[in-house]
Amino acid sequence: MGFNEFMTKLFGNKSQRDLKEITPYVDKIKAVYPSIQKLSNDELRAKTDEIKQRIQDYVADERKQVEDLRKGIDDKELEEREAIWAEVDKIEKAITDKMEVVLEESLPEVFSIMKETARRFTENEEVVVTATDFDRDLATKHDFVRIEGDKAIFLNHWKDGGNEITWDMVHYDVQLF
């Protein structure tokens, strides 16, 4: 048995290690996915907004601290400004660390939402939702969405470079990589 074979038996190959690392995430996604599948199109959108808000709320105190520190910083003496900027950097590092935690916690829901949205676009030529201002603005710039009354209708096909493209992919769990 050569050295490489010995190391592979001891630690596994890269694919095995990657699979071992991602399996807990896939299991969490599979646990969440059925509840996401049951949501209406509007509820799916609301769930996305809920997750965005959860992420913002998770770091709101730190963002407020940074905002407060930056107010009036130009009126301070150089040494005081340097100390304030050092504190801002420290808080922004804490924000990044906290964001990593909340994003990791949200990953199963987010991936499930993405996967379910892709499934709906694959199985339906149109996905209908209650129109928002964003949808109305999008409809003025792109042909893959149109507004009819209070509904936004998203098409699963569009033109790109003169070619008709149709959405036809549902993400696999391994695409989490």
C-alpha atoms as a PDB file:
ATOM      1  CA  MET A   1       0.000   0.000   0.000  1.00  0.00           C
ATOM      2  CA  GLY A   2       1.447   3.334  -1.094  1.00  0.00           C
ATOM      3  CA  PHE A   3       1.498   6.515   0.949  1.00  0.00           C
ATOM      4  CA  ASN A   4      -1.354   8.107  -1.029  1.00  0.00           C
ATOM      5  CA  GLU A   5      -3.563   5.045  -0.617  1.00  0.00           C
ATOM      6  CA  PHE A   6      -2.827   5.001   3.105  1.00  0.00           C
ATOM      7  CA  MET A   7      -3.711   8.717   3.450  1.00  0.00           C
ATOM      8  CA  THR A   8      -6.911   8.233   1.438  1.00  0.00           C
ATOM      9  CA  LYS A   9      -7.984   5.343   3.667  1.00  0.00           C
ATOM     10  CA  LEU A  10      -7.152   7.366   6.755  1.00  0.00           C
ATOM     11  CA  PHE A  11      -8.730  10.702   5.766  1.00  0.00           C
ATOM     12  CA  GLY A  12     -10.871   9.886   2.714  1.00  0.00           C
ATOM     13  CA  ASN A  13     -10.635  11.612  -0.643  1.00  0.00           C
ATOM     14  CA  LYS A  14     -11.698  15.202  -1.295  1.00  0.00           C
ATOM     15  CA  SER A  15     -15.189  14.184  -2.459  1.00  0.00           C
ATOM     16  CA  GLN A  16     -15.779  12.107   0.650  1.00  0.00           C
ATOM     17  CA  ARG A  17     -14.596  14.926   2.922  1.00  0.00           C
ATOM     18  CA  ASP A  18     -16.764  17.464   1.092  1.00  0.00           C
ATOM     19  CA  LEU A  19     -19.787  15.174   1.288  1.00  0.00           C
ATOM     20  CA  LYS A  20     -19.212  14.592   4.997  1.00  0.00           C
ATOM     21  CA  GLU A  21     -18.999  18.355   5.554  1.00  0.00           C
ATOM     22  CA  ILE A  22     -22.149  19.205   3.615  1.00  0.00           C
ATOM     23  CA  THR A  23     -24.390  16.312   4.737  1.00  0.00           C
ATOM     24  CA  PRO A  24     -25.611  18.109   7.901  1.00  0.00           C
ATOM     25  CA  TYR A  25     -26.681  21.096   5.762  1.00  0.00           C
ATOM     26  CA  VAL A  26     -28.468  18.863   3.263  1.00  0.00           C
ATOM     27  CA  ASP A  27     -30.296  17.139   6.123  1.00  0.00           C
ATOM     28  CA  LYS A  28     -31.438  20.531   7.478  1.00  0.00           C
ATOM     29  CA  ILE A  29     -32.588  21.617   4.018  1.00  0.00           C
ATOM     30  CA  LYS A  30     -34.551  18.398   3.563  1.00  0.00           C
ATOM     31  CA  ALA A  31     -36.209  18.981   6.938  1.00  0.00           C
ATOM     32  CA  VAL A  32     -37.246  22.561   6.061  1.00  0.00           C
ATOM     33  CA  TYR A  33     -38.157  22.044   2.400  1.00  0.00           C
ATOM     34  CA  PRO A  34     -41.620  20.446   2.886  1.00  0.00           C
ATOM     35  CA  SER A  35     -42.844  23.460   4.872  1.00  0.00           C
ATOM     36  CA  ILE A  36     -41.515  25.817   2.179  1.00  0.00           C
ATOM     37  CA  GLN A  37     -43.251  23.786  -0.561  1.00  0.00           C
ATOM     38  CA  LYS A  38     -46.626  24.387   1.105  1.00  0.00           C
ATOM     39  CA  LEU A  39     -46.333  28.184   0.882  1.00  0.00           C
ATOM     40  CA  SER A  40     -48.218  30.174  -1.739  1.00  0.00           C
ATOM     41  CA  ASN A  41     -46.205  32.394  -4.082  1.00  0.00           C
ATOM     42  CA  ASP A  42     -46.975  35.441  -1.939  1.00  0.00           C
ATOM     43  CA  GLU A  43     -46.132  33.553   1.260  1.00  0.00           C
ATOM     44  CA  LEU A  44     -42.845  32.474  -0.295  1.00  0.00           C
ATOM     45  CA  ARG A  45     -42.026  36.120  -0.960  1.00  0.00           C
ATOM     46  CA  ALA A  46     -43.047  37.066   2.571  1.00  0.00           C
ATOM     47  CA  LYS A  47     -40.779  34.339   3.946  1.00  0.00           C
ATOM     48  CA  THR A  48     -37.886  35.819   1.985  1.00  0.00           C
ATOM     49  CA  ASP A  49     -38.627  39.264   3.418  1.00  0.00           C
ATOM     50  CA  GLU A  50     -38.892  37.750   6.909  1.00  0.00           C
ATOM     51  CA  ILE A  51     -35.419  36.229   6.580  1.00  0.00           C
ATOM     52  CA  LYS A  52     -33.964  39.499   5.272  1.00  0.00           C
ATOM     53  CA  GLN A  53     -35.479  41.324   8.252  1.00  0.00           C
ATOM     54  CA  ARG A  54     -34.188  38.698  10.691  1.00  0.00           C
ATOM     55  CA  ILE A  55     -30.679  39.202   9.318  1.00  0.00           C
ATOM     56  CA  GLN A  56     -30.947  42.998   9.590  1.00  0.00           C
ATOM     57  CA  ASP A  57     -32.372  42.808  13.120  1.00  0.00           C
ATOM     58  CA  TYR A  58     -29.560  40.496  14.208  1.00  0.00           C
ATOM     59  CA  VAL A  59     -26.980  43.252  13.639  1.00  0.00           C
ATOM     60  CA  ALA A  60     -29.180  46.326  14.141  1.00  0.00           C
ATOM     61  CA  ASP A  61     -27.608  47.359  17.457  1.00  0.00           C
ATOM     62  CA  GLU A  62     -24.098  47.221  16.031  1.00  0.00           C
ATOM     63  CA  ARG A  63     -25.120  49.137  12.898  1.00  0.00           C
ATOM     64  CA  LYS A  64     -26.679  51.812  15.121  1.00  0.00           C
ATOM     65  CA  GLN A  65     -23.434  52.055  17.113  1.00  0.00           C
ATOM     66  CA  VAL A  66     -21.453  52.577  13.899  1.00  0.00           C
ATOM     67  CA  GLU A  67     -23.941  55.182  12.694  1.00  0.00           C
ATOM     68  CA  ASP A  68     -23.722  57.047  16.020  1.00  0.00           C
ATOM     69  CA  LEU A  69     -19.926  56.959  16.008  1.00  0.00           C
ATOM     70  CA  ARG A  70     -19.754  58.334  12.461  1.00  0.00           C
ATOM     71  CA  LYS A  71     -21.992  61.299  13.286  1.00  0.00           C
ATOM     72  CA  GLY A  72     -19.887  64.398  13.757  1.00  0.00           C
ATOM     73  CA  ILE A  73     -16.595  62.567  13.309  1.00  0.00           C
ATOM     74  CA  ASP A  74     -15.309  65.292  10.979  1.00  0.00           C
ATOM     75  CA  ASP A  75     -15.557  67.835  13.813  1.00  0.00           C
ATOM     76  CA  LYS A  76     -13.217  65.836  16.075  1.00  0.00           C
ATOM     77  CA  GLU A  77      -9.461  66.173  16.537  1.00  0.00           C
ATOM     78  CA  LEU A  78      -7.232  63.776  14.608  1.00  0.00           C
ATOM     79  CA  GLU A  79      -6.371  61.532  17.584  1.00  0.00           C
ATOM     80  CA  GLU A  80     -10.016  61.292  18.577  1.00  0.00           C
ATOM     81  CA  ARG A  81     -11.011  60.472  14.981  1.00  0.00           C
ATOM     82  CA  GLU A  82      -8.433  57.690  14.824  1.00  0.00           C
ATOM     83  CA  ALA A  83      -9.806  56.180  18.031  1.00  0.00           C
ATOM     84  CA  ILE A  84     -13.362  56.427  16.688  1.00  0.00           C
ATOM     85  CA  TRP A  85     -12.382  54.806  13.379  1.00  0.00           C
ATOM     86  CA  ALA A  86     -10.622  52.019  15.283  1.00  0.00           C
ATOM     87  CA  GLU A  87     -13.837  51.441  17.249  1.00  0.00           C
ATOM     88  CA  VAL A  88     -15.878  51.500  14.009  1.00  0.00           C
ATOM     89  CA  ASP A  89     -13.538  48.887  12.505  1.00  0.00           C
ATOM     90  CA  LYS A  90     -13.907  46.718  15.612  1.00  0.00           C
ATOM     91  CA  ILE A  91     -17.712  46.937  15.505  1.00  0.00           C
ATOM     92  CA  GLU A  92     -17.811  46.250  11.753  1.00  0.00           C
ATOM     93  CA  LYS A  93     -15.717  43.113  12.338  1.00  0.00           C
ATOM     94  CA  ALA A  94     -18.269  42.074  14.978  1.00  0.00           C
ATOM     95  CA  ILE A  95     -21.068  42.743  12.453  1.00  0.00           C
ATOM     96  CA  THR A  96     -19.334  40.510   9.917  1.00  0.00           C
ATOM     97  CA  ASP A  97     -18.923  37.744  12.499  1.00  0.00           C
ATOM     98  CA  LYS A  98     -22.575  37.994  13.569  1.00  0.00           C
ATOM     99  CA  MET A  99     -23.731  38.063   9.935  1.00  0.00           C
ATOM    100  CA  GLU A 100     -21.846  34.837   9.328  1.00  0.00           C
ATOM    101  CA  VAL A 101     -23.719  33.213  12.217  1.00  0.00           C
ATOM    102  CA  VAL A 102     -27.188  34.367  11.150  1.00  0.00           C
ATOM    103  CA  LEU A 103     -26.546  33.539   7.497  1.00  0.00           C
ATOM    104  CA  GLU A 104     -25.424  30.043   8.464  1.00  0.00           C
ATOM    105  CA  GLU A 105     -28.596  29.635  10.550  1.00  0.00           C
ATOM    106  CA  SER A 106     -30.734  30.887   7.648  1.00  0.00           C
ATOM    107  CA  LEU A 107     -29.057  28.767   4.978  1.00  0.00           C
ATOM    108  CA  PRO A 108     -31.492  25.813   5.040  1.00  0.00           C
ATOM    109  CA  GLU A 109     -34.520  28.095   4.637  1.00  0.00           C
ATOM    110  CA  VAL A 110     -32.850  30.259   2.000  1.00  0.00           C
ATOM    111  CA  PHE A 111     -31.714  27.298  -0.082  1.00  0.00           C
ATOM    112  CA  SER A 112     -35.172  25.718   0.249  1.00  0.00           C
ATOM    113  CA  ILE A 113     -36.801  28.948  -0.950  1.00  0.00           C
ATOM    114  CA  MET A 114     -34.429  29.133  -3.915  1.00  0.00           C
ATOM    115  CA  LYS A 115     -35.021  25.473  -4.777  1.00  0.00           C
ATOM    116  CA  GLU A 116     -38.812  25.810  -4.494  1.00  0.00           C
ATOM    117  CA  THR A 117     -38.838  28.990  -6.582  1.00  0.00           C
ATOM    118  CA  ALA A 118     -36.796  27.228  -9.266  1.00  0.00           C
ATOM    119  CA  ARG A 119     -39.219  24.281  -9.169  1.00  0.00           C
ATOM    120  CA  ARG A 120     -42.197  26.598  -9.648  1.00  0.00           C
ATOM    121  CA  PHE A 121     -40.556  28.309 -12.620  1.00  0.00           C
ATOM    122  CA  THR A 122     -39.668  24.925 -14.126  1.00  0.00           C
ATOM    123  CA  GLU A 123     -43.203  23.556 -13.800  1.00  0.00           C
ATOM    124  CA  ASN A 124     -45.156  26.730 -14.695  1.00  0.00           C
ATOM    125  CA  GLU A 125     -44.857  29.135 -17.609  1.00  0.00           C
ATOM    126  CA  GLU A 126     -46.089  31.910 -15.319  1.00  0.00           C
ATOM    127  CA  VAL A 127     -45.713  32.578 -11.622  1.00  0.00           C
ATOM    128  CA  VAL A 128     -48.314  35.028 -10.312  1.00  0.00           C
ATOM    129  CA  VAL A 129     -47.808  37.161  -7.198  1.00  0.00           C
ATOM    130  CA  THR A 130     -49.335  40.280  -5.702  1.00  0.00           C
ATOM    131  CA  ALA A 131     -47.563  43.172  -7.414  1.00  0.00           C
ATOM    132  CA  THR A 132     -45.162  45.345  -5.452  1.00  0.00           C
ATOM    133  CA  ASP A 133     -43.577  48.644  -6.446  1.00  0.00           C
ATOM    134  CA  PHE A 134     -40.431  46.674  -7.280  1.00  0.00           C
ATOM    135  CA  ASP A 135     -42.434  44.457  -9.665  1.00  0.00           C
ATOM    136  CA  ARG A 136     -44.010  47.484 -11.327  1.00  0.00           C
ATOM    137  CA  ASP A 137     -40.583  49.040 -11.839  1.00  0.00           C
ATOM    138  CA  LEU A 138     -39.184  45.747 -13.147  1.00  0.00           C
ATOM    139  CA  ALA A 139     -42.075  45.424 -15.610  1.00  0.00           C
ATOM    140  CA  THR A 140     -41.144  48.756 -17.196  1.00  0.00           C
ATOM    141  CA  LYS A 141     -37.616  47.513 -17.920  1.00  0.00           C
ATOM    142  CA  HIS A 142     -37.958  43.794 -18.693  1.00  0.00           C
ATOM    143  CA  ASP A 143     -40.277  41.589 -20.714  1.00  0.00           C
ATOM    144  CA  PHE A 144     -40.227  38.610 -18.324  1.00  0.00           C
ATOM    145  CA  VAL A 145     -42.696  40.320 -15.972  1.00  0.00           C
ATOM    146  CA  ARG A 146     -45.986  42.063 -16.661  1.00  0.00           C
ATOM    147  CA  ILE A 147     -48.536  43.719 -14.426  1.00  0.00           C
ATOM    148  CA  GLU A 148     -52.248  42.931 -14.674  1.00  0.00           C
ATOM    149  CA  GLY A 149     -54.295  44.786 -12.085  1.00  0.00           C
ATOM    150  CA  ASP A 150     -52.790  44.089  -8.685  1.00  0.00           C
ATOM    151  CA  LYS A 151     -50.902  40.994  -9.898  1.00  0.00           C
ATOM    152  CA  ALA A 152     -47.364  40.639 -11.217  1.00  0.00           C
ATOM    153  CA  ILE A 153     -46.917  37.781 -13.655  1.00  0.00           C
ATOM    154  CA  PHE A 154     -43.384  36.464 -13.989  1.00  0.00           C
ATOM    155  CA  LEU A 155     -42.629  34.356 -17.054  1.00  0.00           C
ATOM    156  CA  ASN A 156     -40.300  31.384 -17.000  1.00  0.00           C
ATOM    157  CA  HIS A 157     -38.819  32.409 -20.350  1.00  0.00           C
ATOM    158  CA  TRP A 158     -37.075  35.470 -21.738  1.00  0.00           C
ATOM    159  CA  LYS A 159     -34.914  36.574 -24.643  1.00  0.00           C
ATOM    160  CA  ASP A 160     -31.175  36.821 -24.253  1.00  0.00           C
ATOM    161  CA  GLY A 161     -29.011  37.784 -27.195  1.00  0.00           C
ATOM    162  CA  GLY A 162     -31.909  37.071 -29.536  1.00  0.00           C
ATOM    163  CA  ASN A 163     -32.349  33.549 -28.182  1.00  0.00           C
ATOM    164  CA  GLU A 164     -35.364  32.352 -26.232  1.00  0.00           C
ATOM    165  CA  ILE A 165     -34.274  30.999 -22.827  1.00  0.00           C
ATOM    166  CA  THR A 166     -36.634  28.898 -20.675  1.00  0.00           C
ATOM    167  CA  TRP A 167     -35.989  28.198 -17.005  1.00  0.00           C
ATOM    168  CA  ASP A 168     -35.712  24.428 -16.697  1.00  0.00           C
ATOM    169  CA  MET A 169     -33.562  23.678 -13.681  1.00  0.00           C
ATOM    170  CA  VAL A 170     -34.377  22.710 -10.112  1.00  0.00           C
ATOM    171  CA  HIS A 171     -31.334  22.902  -7.881  1.00  0.00           C
ATOM    172  CA  TYR A 172     -29.917  19.708  -6.450  1.00  0.00           C
ATOM    173  CA  ASP A 173     -28.938  19.603  -2.795  1.00  0.00           C
ATOM    174  CA  VAL A 174     -25.298  19.135  -3.765  1.00  0.00           C
ATOM    175  CA  GLN A 175     -25.394  22.500  -5.532  1.00  0.00           C
ATOM    176  CA  LEU A 176     -25.112  23.986  -2.083  1.00  0.00           C
ATOM    177  CA  PHE A 177     -21.372  23.626  -2.643  1.00  0.00           C
END
